[in-house]
Amino acid sequence: MILAIYTLCAFTAFCCSILLFHAAKLTNSRMLFWSGFCFALLTVTNVLVIVDYYLIIDRQLWPIRHGIVLVGLAALIYGLIFEEH
C-alpha cells in the first residue's frame, strides 16, 4: 500500500510538471517554467524515495533527496520573486 502511495505522489508531481511546462511554453511565462522545474525535481525526489525504500538496502539516499528538494524549492522561490512582473 505504501508503494502505491509513493508511486501516486511521483505520478502526480510528474503530471504537474508536464502541465506547468506546457503552460509556460504557451504563455512564455518564466514563473510557470520555474514552477515546472520545481515539480520536475520533486518527481525525481519521489522516485528516489521509492528506490531508497524498496530497491537499495545498504545505502540511504536521504542526503541526495534533500539536496534535490532544496534546489527545486530554491528555483520555485527564485521564479516567484524575480520572474513575475
PDB file of N, CA and C in Angstrom:
ATOM      1  N   MET A   1       0.812  -1.194   0.000  1.00  0.00           N
ATOM      2  CA  MET A   1       0.000   0.000   0.000  1.00  0.00           C
ATOM      3  C   MET A   1       0.859   1.263   0.000  1.00  0.00           C
ATOM      4  N   ILE A   2       1.952   1.236   0.743  1.00  0.00           N
ATOM      5  CA  ILE A   2       2.833   2.391   0.801  1.00  0.00           C
ATOM      6  C   ILE A   2       3.490   2.627  -0.558  1.00  0.00           C
ATOM      7  N   LEU A   3       3.838   1.553  -1.255  1.00  0.00           N
ATOM      8  CA  LEU A   3       4.418   1.688  -2.589  1.00  0.00           C
ATOM      9  C   LEU A   3       3.439   2.376  -3.544  1.00  0.00           C
ATOM     10  N   ALA A   4       2.177   2.043  -3.436  1.00  0.00           N
ATOM     11  CA  ALA A   4       1.158   2.680  -4.290  1.00  0.00           C
ATOM     12  C   ALA A   4       1.053   4.168  -3.992  1.00  0.00           C
ATOM     13  N   ILE A   5       1.134   4.537  -2.746  1.00  0.00           N
ATOM     14  CA  ILE A   5       1.052   5.957  -2.371  1.00  0.00           C
ATOM     15  C   ILE A   5       2.265   6.716  -2.897  1.00  0.00           C
ATOM     16  N   TYR A   6       3.458   6.161  -2.730  1.00  0.00           N
ATOM     17  CA  TYR A   6       4.659   6.817  -3.243  1.00  0.00           C
ATOM     18  C   TYR A   6       4.618   6.933  -4.765  1.00  0.00           C
ATOM     19  N   THR A   7       4.113   5.901  -5.420  1.00  0.00           N
ATOM     20  CA  THR A   7       4.008   5.928  -6.878  1.00  0.00           C
ATOM     21  C   THR A   7       3.012   6.979  -7.336  1.00  0.00           C
ATOM     22  N   LEU A   8       1.889   7.085  -6.647  1.00  0.00           N
ATOM     23  CA  LEU A   8       0.902   8.116  -6.994  1.00  0.00           C
ATOM     24  C   LEU A   8       1.447   9.523  -6.756  1.00  0.00           C
ATOM     25  N   CYS A   9       2.231   9.699  -5.704  1.00  0.00           N
ATOM     26  CA  CYS A   9       2.855  11.010  -5.451  1.00  0.00           C
ATOM     27  C   CYS A   9       3.821  11.371  -6.581  1.00  0.00           C
ATOM     28  N   ALA A  10       4.627  10.411  -7.011  1.00  0.00           N
ATOM     29  CA  ALA A  10       5.553  10.661  -8.116  1.00  0.00           C
ATOM     30  C   ALA A  10       4.801  10.952  -9.402  1.00  0.00           C
ATOM     31  N   PHE A  11       3.745  10.206  -9.674  1.00  0.00           N
ATOM     32  CA  PHE A  11       2.947  10.422 -10.881  1.00  0.00           C
ATOM     33  C   PHE A  11       2.260  11.780 -10.861  1.00  0.00           C
ATOM     34  N   THR A  12       1.756  12.187  -9.709  1.00  0.00           N
ATOM     35  CA  THR A  12       1.098  13.483  -9.590  1.00  0.00           C
ATOM     36  C   THR A  12       2.089  14.627  -9.814  1.00  0.00           C
ATOM     37  N   ALA A  13       3.269  14.525  -9.227  1.00  0.00           N
ATOM     38  CA  ALA A  13       4.277  15.564  -9.424  1.00  0.00           C
ATOM     39  C   ALA A  13       4.720  15.610 -10.884  1.00  0.00           C
ATOM     40  N   PHE A  14       4.813  14.444 -11.526  1.00  0.00           N
ATOM     41  CA  PHE A  14       5.171  14.394 -12.941  1.00  0.00           C
ATOM     42  C   PHE A  14       4.108  15.074 -13.797  1.00  0.00           C
ATOM     43  N   CYS A  15       2.847  14.777 -13.529  1.00  0.00           N
ATOM     44  CA  CYS A  15       1.753  15.401 -14.290  1.00  0.00           C
ATOM     45  C   CYS A  15       1.736  16.912 -14.085  1.00  0.00           C
ATOM     46  N   CYS A  16       1.965  17.357 -12.866  1.00  0.00           N
ATOM     47  CA  CYS A  16       2.008  18.802 -12.592  1.00  0.00           C
ATOM     48  C   CYS A  16       3.152  19.462 -13.360  1.00  0.00           C
ATOM     49  N   SER A  17       4.309  18.816 -13.398  1.00  0.00           N
ATOM     50  CA  SER A  17       5.438  19.408 -14.115  1.00  0.00           C
ATOM     51  C   SER A  17       5.166  19.475 -15.608  1.00  0.00           C
ATOM     52  N   ILE A  18       4.557  18.441 -16.184  1.00  0.00           N
ATOM     53  CA  ILE A  18       4.233  18.459 -17.604  1.00  0.00           C
ATOM     54  C   ILE A  18       3.243  19.585 -17.911  1.00  0.00           C
ATOM     55  N   LEU A  19       2.205  19.705 -17.089  1.00  0.00           N
ATOM     56  CA  LEU A  19       1.212  20.761 -17.313  1.00  0.00           C
ATOM     57  C   LEU A  19       1.812  22.158 -17.149  1.00  0.00           C
ATOM     58  N   LEU A  20       2.686  22.327 -16.168  1.00  0.00           N
ATOM     59  CA  LEU A  20       3.310  23.632 -15.967  1.00  0.00           C
ATOM     60  C   LEU A  20       4.266  23.979 -17.110  1.00  0.00           C
ATOM     61  N   PHE A  21       5.044  23.008 -17.578  1.00  0.00           N
ATOM     62  CA  PHE A  21       5.932  23.268 -18.714  1.00  0.00           C
ATOM     63  C   PHE A  21       5.128  23.596 -19.970  1.00  0.00           C
ATOM     64  N   HIS A  22       4.025  22.905 -20.162  1.00  0.00           N
ATOM     65  CA  HIS A  22       3.181  23.176 -21.327  1.00  0.00           C
ATOM     66  C   HIS A  22       2.587  24.580 -21.253  1.00  0.00           C
ATOM     67  N   ALA A  23       2.098  24.966 -20.089  1.00  0.00           N
ATOM     68  CA  ALA A  23       1.548  26.312 -19.920  1.00  0.00           C
ATOM     69  C   ALA A  23       2.638  27.375 -20.072  1.00  0.00           C
ATOM     70  N   ALA A  24       3.834  27.073 -19.603  1.00  0.00           N
ATOM     71  CA  ALA A  24       4.936  28.029 -19.742  1.00  0.00           C
ATOM     72  C   ALA A  24       5.295  28.226 -21.208  1.00  0.00           C
ATOM     73  N   LYS A  25       5.237  27.148 -21.977  1.00  0.00           N
ATOM     74  CA  LYS A  25       5.543  27.250 -23.402  1.00  0.00           C
ATOM     75  C   LYS A  25       4.477  28.058 -24.143  1.00  0.00           C
ATOM     76  N   LEU A  26       3.226  27.879 -23.761  1.00  0.00           N
ATOM     77  CA  LEU A  26       2.137  28.592 -24.437  1.00  0.00           C
ATOM     78  C   LEU A  26       2.106  30.076 -24.099  1.00  0.00           C
ATOM     79  N   THR A  27       2.403  30.415 -22.855  1.00  0.00           N
ATOM     80  CA  THR A  27       2.268  31.802 -22.408  1.00  0.00           C
ATOM     81  C   THR A  27       3.588  32.543 -22.283  1.00  0.00           C
ATOM     82  N   ASN A  28       4.707  31.861 -22.480  1.00  0.00           N
ATOM     83  CA  ASN A  28       6.043  32.451 -22.300  1.00  0.00           C
ATOM     84  C   ASN A  28       6.227  33.027 -20.900  1.00  0.00           C
ATOM     85  N   SER A  29       5.666  32.374 -19.906  1.00  0.00           N
ATOM     86  CA  SER A  29       5.782  32.815 -18.520  1.00  0.00           C
ATOM     87  C   SER A  29       6.967  32.113 -17.861  1.00  0.00           C
ATOM     88  N   ARG A  30       7.914  32.891 -17.403  1.00  0.00           N
ATOM     89  CA  ARG A  30       9.091  32.323 -16.738  1.00  0.00           C
ATOM     90  C   ARG A  30       8.737  31.752 -15.369  1.00  0.00           C
ATOM     91  N   MET A  31       7.742  32.334 -14.709  1.00  0.00           N
ATOM     92  CA  MET A  31       7.335  31.818 -13.413  1.00  0.00           C
ATOM     93  C   MET A  31       6.772  30.397 -13.550  1.00  0.00           C
ATOM     94  N   LEU A  32       5.994  30.150 -14.594  1.00  0.00           N
ATOM     95  CA  LEU A  32       5.481  28.800 -14.827  1.00  0.00           C
ATOM     96  C   LEU A  32       6.612  27.830 -15.144  1.00  0.00           C
ATOM     97  N   PHE A  33       7.635  28.313 -15.854  1.00  0.00           N
ATOM     98  CA  PHE A  33       8.784  27.457 -16.141  1.00  0.00           C
ATOM     99  C   PHE A  33       9.481  27.032 -14.857  1.00  0.00           C
ATOM    100  N   TRP A  34       9.741  27.990 -13.959  1.00  0.00           N
ATOM    101  CA  TRP A  34      10.427  27.654 -12.713  1.00  0.00           C
ATOM    102  C   TRP A  34       9.567  26.767 -11.822  1.00  0.00           C
ATOM    103  N   SER A  35       8.261  26.955 -11.856  1.00  0.00           N
ATOM    104  CA  SER A  35       7.366  26.074 -11.108  1.00  0.00           C
ATOM    105  C   SER A  35       7.404  24.661 -11.680  1.00  0.00           C
ATOM    106  N   GLY A  36       7.417  24.554 -13.007  1.00  0.00           N
ATOM    107  CA  GLY A  36       7.531  23.239 -13.641  1.00  0.00           C
ATOM    108  C   GLY A  36       8.854  22.568 -13.331  1.00  0.00           C
ATOM    109  N   PHE A  37       9.923  23.369 -13.288  1.00  0.00           N
ATOM    110  CA  PHE A  37      11.242  22.828 -12.931  1.00  0.00           C
ATOM    111  C   PHE A  37      11.233  22.294 -11.501  1.00  0.00           C
ATOM    112  N   CYS A  38      10.598  23.024 -10.597  1.00  0.00           N
ATOM    113  CA  CYS A  38      10.489  22.575  -9.209  1.00  0.00           C
ATOM    114  C   CYS A  38       9.740  21.252  -9.132  1.00  0.00           C
ATOM    115  N   PHE A  39       8.616  21.145  -9.831  1.00  0.00           N
ATOM    116  CA  PHE A  39       7.850  19.905  -9.785  1.00  0.00           C
ATOM    117  C   PHE A  39       8.574  18.761 -10.476  1.00  0.00           C
ATOM    118  N   ALA A  40       9.398  19.057 -11.477  1.00  0.00           N
ATOM    119  CA  ALA A  40      10.206  18.005 -12.099  1.00  0.00           C
ATOM    120  C   ALA A  40      11.207  17.453 -11.087  1.00  0.00           C
ATOM    121  N   LEU A  41      11.821  18.337 -10.309  1.00  0.00           N
ATOM    122  CA  LEU A  41      12.754  17.869  -9.285  1.00  0.00           C
ATOM    123  C   LEU A  41      12.033  17.143  -8.154  1.00  0.00           C
ATOM    124  N   LEU A  42      10.818  17.557  -7.847  1.00  0.00           N
ATOM    125  CA  LEU A  42      10.032  16.826  -6.853  1.00  0.00           C
ATOM    126  C   LEU A  42       9.665  15.432  -7.355  1.00  0.00           C
ATOM    127  N   THR A  43       9.471  15.295  -8.664  1.00  0.00           N
ATOM    128  CA  THR A  43       9.241  13.972  -9.242  1.00  0.00           C
ATOM    129  C   THR A  43      10.457  13.087  -9.048  1.00  0.00           C
ATOM    130  N   VAL A  44      11.636  13.643  -9.317  1.00  0.00           N
ATOM    131  CA  VAL A  44      12.875  12.885  -9.113  1.00  0.00           C
ATOM    132  C   VAL A  44      13.011  12.478  -7.655  1.00  0.00           C
ATOM    133  N   THR A  45      12.688  13.374  -6.763  1.00  0.00           N
ATOM    134  CA  THR A  45      12.761  13.067  -5.329  1.00  0.00           C
ATOM    135  C   THR A  45      11.805  11.944  -4.955  1.00  0.00           C
ATOM    136  N   ASN A  46      10.582  11.982  -5.482  1.00  0.00           N
ATOM    137  CA  ASN A  46       9.625  10.926  -5.168  1.00  0.00           C
ATOM    138  C   ASN A  46      10.064   9.580  -5.730  1.00  0.00           C
ATOM    139  N   VAL A  47      10.674   9.585  -6.906  1.00  0.00           N
ATOM    140  CA  VAL A  47      11.198   8.335  -7.459  1.00  0.00           C
ATOM    141  C   VAL A  47      12.354   7.824  -6.589  1.00  0.00           C
ATOM    142  N   LEU A  48      13.184   8.739  -6.107  1.00  0.00           N
ATOM    143  CA  LEU A  48      14.279   8.319  -5.224  1.00  0.00           C
ATOM    144  C   LEU A  48      13.772   7.765  -3.899  1.00  0.00           C
ATOM    145  N   VAL A  49      12.632   8.240  -3.429  1.00  0.00           N
ATOM    146  CA  VAL A  49      12.034   7.663  -2.223  1.00  0.00           C
ATOM    147  C   VAL A  49      11.681   6.194  -2.476  1.00  0.00           C
ATOM    148  N   ILE A  50      11.096   5.921  -3.624  1.00  0.00           N
ATOM    149  CA  ILE A  50      10.752   4.539  -3.965  1.00  0.00           C
ATOM    150  C   ILE A  50      12.009   3.690  -4.076  1.00  0.00           C
ATOM    151  N   VAL A  51      13.018   4.214  -4.747  1.00  0.00           N
ATOM    152  CA  VAL A  51      14.279   3.476  -4.900  1.00  0.00           C
ATOM    153  C   VAL A  51      14.933   3.252  -3.543  1.00  0.00           C
ATOM    154  N   ASP A  52      14.917   4.267  -2.708  1.00  0.00           N
ATOM    155  CA  ASP A  52      15.566   4.179  -1.397  1.00  0.00           C
ATOM    156  C   ASP A  52      14.903   3.139  -0.507  1.00  0.00           C
ATOM    157  N   TYR A  53      13.582   3.127  -0.476  1.00  0.00           N
ATOM    158  CA  TYR A  53      12.887   2.240   0.449  1.00  0.00           C
ATOM    159  C   TYR A  53      12.699   0.826  -0.066  1.00  0.00           C
ATOM    160  N   TYR A  54      12.706   0.636  -1.380  1.00  0.00           N
ATOM    161  CA  TYR A  54      12.361  -0.676  -1.905  1.00  0.00           C
ATOM    162  C   TYR A  54      13.461  -1.362  -2.687  1.00  0.00           C
ATOM    163  N   LEU A  55      14.459  -0.639  -3.184  1.00  0.00           N
ATOM    164  CA  LEU A  55      15.466  -1.281  -4.014  1.00  0.00           C
ATOM    165  C   LEU A  55      16.862  -1.291  -3.404  1.00  0.00           C
ATOM    166  N   ILE A  56      17.226  -0.252  -2.693  1.00  0.00           N
ATOM    167  CA  ILE A  56      18.570  -0.163  -2.125  1.00  0.00           C
ATOM    168  C   ILE A  56      18.495  -0.498  -0.644  1.00  0.00           C
ATOM    169  N   ILE A  57      19.251  -1.495  -0.256  1.00  0.00           N
ATOM    170  CA  ILE A  57      19.218  -1.952   1.137  1.00  0.00           C
ATOM    171  C   ILE A  57      20.367  -1.346   1.949  1.00  0.00           C
ATOM    172  N   ASP A  58      21.552  -1.254   1.370  1.00  0.00           N
ATOM    173  CA  ASP A  58      22.733  -0.896   2.149  1.00  0.00           C
ATOM    174  C   ASP A  58      23.052   0.598   2.176  1.00  0.00           C
ATOM    175  N   ARG A  59      22.357   1.410   1.409  1.00  0.00           N
ATOM    176  CA  ARG A  59      22.613   2.848   1.393  1.00  0.00           C
ATOM    177  C   ARG A  59      21.338   3.619   1.660  1.00  0.00           C
ATOM    178  N   GLN A  60      21.527   4.828   2.143  1.00  0.00           N
ATOM    179  CA  GLN A  60      20.385   5.724   2.323  1.00  0.00           C
ATOM    180  C   GLN A  60      20.577   6.916   1.395  1.00  0.00           C
ATOM    181  N   LEU A  61      19.519   7.283   0.699  1.00  0.00           N
ATOM    182  CA  LEU A  61      19.590   8.361  -0.275  1.00  0.00           C
ATOM    183  C   LEU A  61      19.007   9.671   0.245  1.00  0.00           C
ATOM    184  N   TRP A  62      18.750   9.758   1.550  1.00  0.00           N
ATOM    185  CA  TRP A  62      18.108  10.972   2.056  1.00  0.00           C
ATOM    186  C   TRP A  62      18.946  12.231   1.852  1.00  0.00           C
ATOM    187  N   PRO A  63      20.294  12.200   1.915  1.00  0.00           N
ATOM    188  CA  PRO A  63      21.013  13.467   1.652  1.00  0.00           C
ATOM    189  C   PRO A  63      20.828  13.942   0.202  1.00  0.00           C
ATOM    190  N   ILE A  64      20.801  13.015  -0.734  1.00  0.00           N
ATOM    191  CA  ILE A  64      20.595  13.376  -2.133  1.00  0.00           C
ATOM    192  C   ILE A  64      19.178  13.897  -2.335  1.00  0.00           C
ATOM    193  N   ARG A  65      18.210  13.219  -1.725  1.00  0.00           N
ATOM    194  CA  ARG A  65      16.816  13.652  -1.847  1.00  0.00           C
ATOM    195  C   ARG A  65      16.618  15.053  -1.284  1.00  0.00           C
ATOM    196  N   HIS A  66      17.181  15.304  -0.123  1.00  0.00           N
ATOM    197  CA  HIS A  66      17.030  16.622   0.494  1.00  0.00           C
ATOM    198  C   HIS A  66      17.739  17.711  -0.320  1.00  0.00           C
ATOM    199  N   GLY A  67      18.866  17.375  -0.923  1.00  0.00           N
ATOM    200  CA  GLY A  67      19.561  18.335  -1.779  1.00  0.00           C
ATOM    201  C   GLY A  67      18.751  18.679  -3.015  1.00  0.00           C
ATOM    202  N   ILE A  68      18.126  17.674  -3.616  1.00  0.00           N
ATOM    203  CA  ILE A  68      17.297  17.919  -4.798  1.00  0.00           C
ATOM    204  C   ILE A  68      16.086  18.767  -4.436  1.00  0.00           C
ATOM    205  N   VAL A  69      15.470  18.480  -3.302  1.00  0.00           N
ATOM    206  CA  VAL A  69      14.326  19.290  -2.862  1.00  0.00           C
ATOM    207  C   VAL A  69      14.761  20.733  -2.604  1.00  0.00           C
ATOM    208  N   LEU A  70      15.930  20.921  -2.014  1.00  0.00           N
ATOM    209  CA  LEU A  70      16.441  22.269  -1.757  1.00  0.00           C
ATOM    210  C   LEU A  70      16.626  23.039  -3.055  1.00  0.00           C
ATOM    211  N   VAL A  71      17.197  22.401  -4.068  1.00  0.00           N
ATOM    212  CA  VAL A  71      17.390  23.057  -5.360  1.00  0.00           C
ATOM    213  C   VAL A  71      16.041  23.377  -6.002  1.00  0.00           C
ATOM    214  N   GLY A  72      15.100  22.443  -5.924  1.00  0.00           N
ATOM    215  CA  GLY A  72      13.779  22.669  -6.509  1.00  0.00           C
ATOM    216  C   GLY A  72      13.028  23.809  -5.852  1.00  0.00           C
ATOM    217  N   LEU A  73      13.044  23.846  -4.543  1.00  0.00           N
ATOM    218  CA  LEU A  73      12.349  24.927  -3.847  1.00  0.00           C
ATOM    219  C   LEU A  73      13.048  26.264  -4.030  1.00  0.00           C
ATOM    220  N   ALA A  74      14.382  26.250  -4.135  1.00  0.00           N
ATOM    221  CA  ALA A  74      15.105  27.491  -4.417  1.00  0.00           C
ATOM    222  C   ALA A  74      14.730  28.019  -5.799  1.00  0.00           C
ATOM    223  N   ALA A  75      14.576  27.117  -6.772  1.00  0.00           N
ATOM    224  CA  ALA A  75      14.150  27.535  -8.109  1.00  0.00           C
ATOM    225  C   ALA A  75      12.739  28.107  -8.075  1.00  0.00           C
ATOM    226  N   LEU A  76      11.854  27.488  -7.300  1.00  0.00           N
ATOM    227  CA  LEU A  76      10.492  27.996  -7.186  1.00  0.00           C
ATOM    228  C   LEU A  76      10.471  29.378  -6.540  1.00  0.00           C
ATOM    229  N   ILE A  77      11.234  29.563  -5.495  1.00  0.00           N
ATOM    230  CA  ILE A  77      11.301  30.867  -4.827  1.00  0.00           C
ATOM    231  C   ILE A  77      11.895  31.918  -5.760  1.00  0.00           C
ATOM    232  N   TYR A  78      12.929  31.533  -6.508  1.00  0.00           N
ATOM    233  CA  TYR A  78      13.508  32.457  -7.483  1.00  0.00           C
ATOM    234  C   TYR A  78      12.459  32.885  -8.519  1.00  0.00           C
ATOM    235  N   GLY A  79      11.717  31.932  -9.022  1.00  0.00           N
ATOM    236  CA  GLY A  79      10.694  32.246 -10.005  1.00  0.00           C
ATOM    237  C   GLY A  79       9.597  33.125  -9.437  1.00  0.00           C
ATOM    238  N   LEU A  80       9.209  32.877  -8.203  1.00  0.00           N
ATOM    239  CA  LEU A  80       8.154  33.682  -7.589  1.00  0.00           C
ATOM    240  C   LEU A  80       8.604  35.110  -7.292  1.00  0.00           C
ATOM    241  N   ILE A  81       9.874  35.281  -6.958  1.00  0.00           N
ATOM    242  CA  ILE A  81      10.344  36.612  -6.584  1.00  0.00           C
ATOM    243  C   ILE A  81      10.792  37.425  -7.797  1.00  0.00           C
ATOM    244  N   PHE A  82      11.561  36.841  -8.684  1.00  0.00           N
ATOM    245  CA  PHE A  82      12.228  37.633  -9.715  1.00  0.00           C
ATOM    246  C   PHE A  82      11.615  37.560 -11.105  1.00  0.00           C
ATOM    247  N   GLU A  83      10.805  36.569 -11.385  1.00  0.00           N
ATOM    248  CA  GLU A  83      10.372  36.374 -12.762  1.00  0.00           C
ATOM    249  C   GLU A  83       8.977  36.885 -13.081  1.00  0.00           C
ATOM    250  N   GLU A  84       8.200  37.280 -12.105  1.00  0.00           N
ATOM    251  CA  GLU A  84       6.865  37.776 -12.412  1.00  0.00           C
ATOM    252  C   GLU A  84       6.870  39.291 -12.328  1.00  0.00           C
ATOM    253  N   HIS A  85       6.300  39.924 -13.316  1.00  0.00           N
ATOM    254  CA  HIS A  85       6.340  41.388 -13.397  1.00  0.00           C
ATOM    255  C   HIS A  85       5.184  41.981 -12.652  1.00  0.00           C
TER     256      HIS A  85
END
